[in-house]
Amino acid sequence: LKTIDKNQARSLYENLLLQLNKKYGDSSFSLITTNYDLSFETAILAIGENDMKNLGISNIHYGFKQDSFFFISTYDSVETFKWDVGQLEYLKVHGSLDWNQDTEQRCVRSGSTTTPAYPDEMVILYPGAKGVPSNETFISLHSRLLNRLLSADVVYVIGFAFRDEYINSIFDIALRQRTNLPIYYYNPIALEQHPKESQAP
């Protein structure tokens, strides 16, 4: 988790964003992950602002608001993402290694890797035994996943095995309401090699 190859990270995300930009042009994107590593953040730093704009991305939103007085980024549970051309939203529904809990019990984004001694006492990581989230940050993050599925024009699922029952239920709710929502599924592992609890299509 601490030794992300920035060139590989850059190549992965740069090509992903390039292909999305080629296919959909002037659009707004929301990338949602269950990973808590900093590969995306590392890639963005390697790509740089000018090259990001060449990929059609003018702004990235992580779900945090900047406190101009204390110079910290605090998670905003009531923020509403707007589908604006060139805006990219990046949500980490299972937390992140650069999230911490401040003295007021708020989830703050530090921008640097934290290796927790006691993960269960920190905001950054979703409980190992998945299921319905019971505390904030995770409650609203999962709610945002549902909102994006209900409002997106097209959905791509990459590398997710659908082993998380609660996330599976979110997809189920969305697909019951939007039976014609186009969803494309990509995974480097053949379906027969998926874990037995996988609900992958």
Protein backbone atom coordinates (compact mmCIF):
# COMPACT_ATOMS: atom_id res chain seq x y z
CA LEU A 1 0.00 0.00 0.00
CA LYS A 2 2.93 2.34 0.61
CA THR A 3 4.89 1.48 -2.55
CA ILE A 4 2.56 2.35 -5.39
CA ASP A 5 4.34 2.44 -8.75
CA LYS A 6 3.46 5.94 -9.95
CA ASN A 7 4.19 5.08 -13.59
CA GLN A 8 1.85 2.09 -13.54
CA ALA A 9 -0.78 4.12 -11.69
CA ARG A 10 -0.45 6.92 -14.22
CA SER A 11 -0.69 4.53 -17.16
CA LEU A 12 -3.79 2.83 -15.75
CA TYR A 13 -5.82 5.94 -15.00
CA GLU A 14 -4.53 8.02 -17.89
CA ASN A 15 -5.62 5.35 -20.38
CA LEU A 16 -8.95 4.86 -18.63
CA LEU A 17 -9.73 8.59 -18.74
CA LEU A 18 -8.45 8.82 -22.31
CA GLN A 19 -10.80 6.07 -23.48
CA LEU A 20 -13.76 7.59 -21.61
CA ASN A 21 -13.02 10.98 -23.14
CA LYS A 22 -12.74 9.48 -26.64
CA LYS A 23 -16.00 7.57 -26.28
CA TYR A 24 -18.14 10.14 -24.45
CA GLY A 25 -16.48 13.48 -25.19
CA ASP A 26 -17.80 16.40 -23.18
CA SER A 27 -19.19 14.52 -20.22
CA SER A 28 -19.02 14.33 -16.44
CA PHE A 29 -17.66 11.21 -14.76
CA SER A 30 -17.94 9.67 -11.34
CA LEU A 31 -15.33 7.05 -10.41
CA ILE A 32 -16.34 5.03 -7.36
CA THR A 33 -14.03 2.48 -5.76
CA THR A 34 -13.96 0.08 -2.82
CA ASN A 35 -10.16 0.28 -2.72
CA TYR A 36 -8.60 2.41 0.01
CA ASP A 37 -5.09 2.73 -1.43
CA LEU A 38 -3.78 5.97 -2.96
CA SER A 39 -3.13 4.72 -6.50
CA PHE A 40 -5.55 7.22 -8.06
CA GLU A 41 -4.15 10.15 -6.10
CA THR A 42 -0.62 9.06 -7.03
CA ALA A 43 -1.63 8.84 -10.69
CA ILE A 44 -3.18 12.31 -10.68
CA LEU A 45 0.01 13.85 -9.31
CA ALA A 46 2.04 12.04 -12.00
CA ILE A 47 -0.31 13.10 -14.81
CA GLY A 48 -0.37 16.74 -13.79
CA GLU A 49 -2.98 19.46 -14.20
CA ASN A 50 -2.28 20.32 -17.85
CA ASP A 51 -2.42 16.71 -19.04
CA MET A 52 -5.61 16.15 -17.04
CA LYS A 53 -7.20 19.02 -18.94
CA ASN A 54 -6.06 17.39 -22.19
CA LEU A 55 -8.00 14.31 -21.04
CA GLY A 56 -11.12 16.46 -20.68
CA ILE A 57 -10.95 16.77 -16.88
CA SER A 58 -10.96 20.33 -15.53
CA ASN A 59 -11.81 19.56 -11.91
CA ILE A 60 -11.68 16.62 -9.49
CA HIS A 61 -14.00 16.34 -6.52
CA TYR A 62 -13.22 13.91 -3.68
CA GLY A 63 -16.31 14.58 -1.55
CA PHE A 64 -14.46 16.89 0.84
CA LYS A 65 -14.74 20.62 1.42
CA GLN A 66 -11.79 22.85 2.17
CA ASP A 67 -11.78 24.70 5.48
CA SER A 68 -10.05 27.95 4.53
CA PHE A 69 -9.32 28.88 8.16
CA PHE A 70 -7.74 25.61 9.31
CA PHE A 71 -6.54 24.48 5.86
CA ILE A 72 -7.98 21.00 6.20
CA SER A 73 -10.35 19.07 3.96
CA THR A 74 -13.41 17.77 5.81
CA TYR A 75 -15.79 15.15 4.45
CA ASP A 76 -19.09 16.75 3.48
CA SER A 77 -21.91 14.25 4.00
CA VAL A 78 -24.58 16.53 2.52
CA GLU A 79 -22.67 17.71 -0.56
CA THR A 80 -24.46 17.12 -3.85
CA PHE A 81 -22.38 16.30 -6.91
CA LYS A 82 -23.54 17.97 -10.11
CA TRP A 83 -22.93 16.33 -13.48
CA ASP A 84 -20.92 19.17 -15.06
CA VAL A 85 -18.85 18.79 -18.22
CA GLY A 86 -15.22 18.16 -17.38
CA GLN A 87 -15.84 17.44 -13.70
CA LEU A 88 -14.64 14.15 -12.26
CA GLU A 89 -15.90 12.84 -8.94
CA TYR A 90 -13.77 10.26 -7.13
CA LEU A 91 -15.44 8.47 -4.22
CA LYS A 92 -13.93 5.81 -1.97
CA VAL A 93 -16.89 4.03 -0.38
CA HIS A 94 -14.67 1.90 1.88
CA GLY A 95 -12.46 4.72 3.12
CA SER A 96 -8.92 5.75 2.36
CA LEU A 97 -5.42 5.57 3.80
CA ASP A 98 -5.27 9.37 3.84
CA TRP A 99 -8.46 9.83 5.88
CA ASN A 100 -8.29 10.42 9.61
CA GLN A 101 -10.58 11.38 12.45
CA ASP A 102 -9.95 14.80 13.95
CA THR A 103 -10.60 15.88 17.55
CA GLU A 104 -14.20 16.78 16.65
CA GLN A 105 -14.83 13.29 15.23
CA ARG A 106 -14.92 14.61 11.66
CA CYS A 107 -13.46 12.68 8.76
CA VAL A 108 -10.58 14.70 7.33
CA ARG A 109 -8.40 14.09 4.31
CA SER A 110 -4.68 14.55 5.00
CA GLY A 111 -3.25 13.82 1.56
CA SER A 112 -0.59 11.45 2.90
CA THR A 113 -0.66 7.73 3.68
CA THR A 114 -1.61 6.68 7.18
CA THR A 115 -0.93 3.17 8.44
CA PRO A 116 -3.42 2.64 11.24
CA ALA A 117 -2.37 0.74 14.36
CA TYR A 118 -6.01 0.23 15.25
CA PRO A 119 -8.10 0.34 12.04
CA ASP A 120 -11.41 -0.19 13.86
CA GLU A 121 -10.87 3.02 15.82
CA MET A 122 -10.26 5.15 12.75
CA VAL A 123 -12.63 6.58 10.17
CA ILE A 124 -10.54 5.56 7.21
CA LEU A 125 -11.41 1.89 6.75
CA TYR A 126 -14.74 0.18 6.30
CA PRO A 127 -15.30 -2.69 8.77
CA GLY A 128 -13.91 -6.00 7.53
CA ALA A 129 -17.25 -7.76 8.00
CA LYS A 130 -19.11 -5.79 5.34
CA GLY A 131 -22.86 -5.35 5.49
CA VAL A 132 -25.01 -2.28 6.00
CA PRO A 133 -22.90 0.67 7.18
CA SER A 134 -23.83 1.88 10.66
CA ASN A 135 -21.90 5.13 10.93
CA GLU A 136 -21.53 8.30 8.96
CA THR A 137 -19.05 8.80 6.20
CA PHE A 138 -19.87 5.27 5.04
CA ILE A 139 -23.65 5.70 5.21
CA SER A 140 -23.64 8.73 2.90
CA LEU A 141 -20.90 7.33 0.64
CA HIS A 142 -22.98 4.24 -0.08
CA SER A 143 -26.02 6.45 -0.56
CA ARG A 144 -24.07 8.43 -3.15
CA LEU A 145 -23.26 5.21 -5.00
CA LEU A 146 -27.00 4.55 -5.31
CA ASN A 147 -27.65 8.12 -6.42
CA ARG A 148 -25.01 7.87 -9.14
CA LEU A 149 -26.44 4.57 -10.39
CA LEU A 150 -29.88 6.18 -10.54
CA SER A 151 -28.68 9.19 -12.51
CA ALA A 152 -25.79 7.97 -14.71
CA ASP A 153 -26.25 7.45 -18.45
CA VAL A 154 -23.95 4.42 -18.50
CA VAL A 155 -22.06 2.39 -15.88
CA TYR A 156 -18.77 0.50 -16.16
CA VAL A 157 -17.76 -1.98 -13.45
CA ILE A 158 -14.05 -2.82 -13.52
CA GLY A 159 -12.42 -5.52 -11.41
CA PHE A 160 -15.19 -5.76 -8.79
CA ALA A 161 -16.30 -9.32 -7.99
CA PHE A 162 -19.65 -8.41 -6.36
CA ARG A 163 -18.81 -10.19 -3.10
CA ASP A 164 -20.14 -7.32 -0.97
CA GLU A 165 -23.80 -8.09 -0.25
CA TYR A 166 -24.73 -4.51 0.59
CA ILE A 167 -23.20 -3.08 -2.59
CA ASN A 168 -24.93 -5.87 -4.51
CA SER A 169 -28.23 -4.73 -2.97
CA ILE A 170 -27.53 -1.15 -4.07
CA PHE A 171 -27.07 -2.34 -7.66
CA ASP A 172 -30.22 -4.43 -7.32
CA ILE A 173 -32.27 -1.41 -6.18
CA ALA A 174 -30.90 0.72 -9.03
CA LEU A 175 -31.59 -1.94 -11.67
CA ARG A 176 -35.14 -2.50 -10.45
CA GLN A 177 -35.79 1.20 -11.00
CA ARG A 178 -33.77 1.48 -14.20
CA THR A 179 -34.20 -1.77 -16.07
CA ASN A 180 -32.56 -0.38 -19.21
CA LEU A 181 -29.45 1.09 -17.54
CA PRO A 182 -26.45 -0.03 -19.64
CA ILE A 183 -23.83 -1.68 -17.40
CA TYR A 184 -20.57 -3.07 -18.78
CA TYR A 185 -18.57 -5.48 -16.62
CA TYR A 186 -14.81 -6.05 -16.98
CA ASN A 187 -12.67 -8.30 -14.80
CA PRO A 188 -9.29 -9.87 -15.64
CA ILE A 189 -10.40 -13.04 -13.85
CA ALA A 190 -12.59 -15.53 -15.71
CA LEU A 191 -16.05 -15.94 -14.16
CA GLU A 192 -15.37 -19.57 -13.24
CA GLN A 193 -12.33 -18.40 -11.23
CA HIS A 194 -14.28 -15.88 -9.15
CA PRO A 195 -14.61 -16.60 -5.41
CA LYS A 196 -17.62 -18.79 -4.63
CA GLU A 197 -19.42 -15.92 -2.86
CA SER A 198 -19.09 -13.68 -5.90
CA GLN A 199 -22.32 -12.43 -7.45
CA ALA A 200 -20.58 -11.24 -10.62
CA PRO A 201 -22.80 -11.39 -13.73
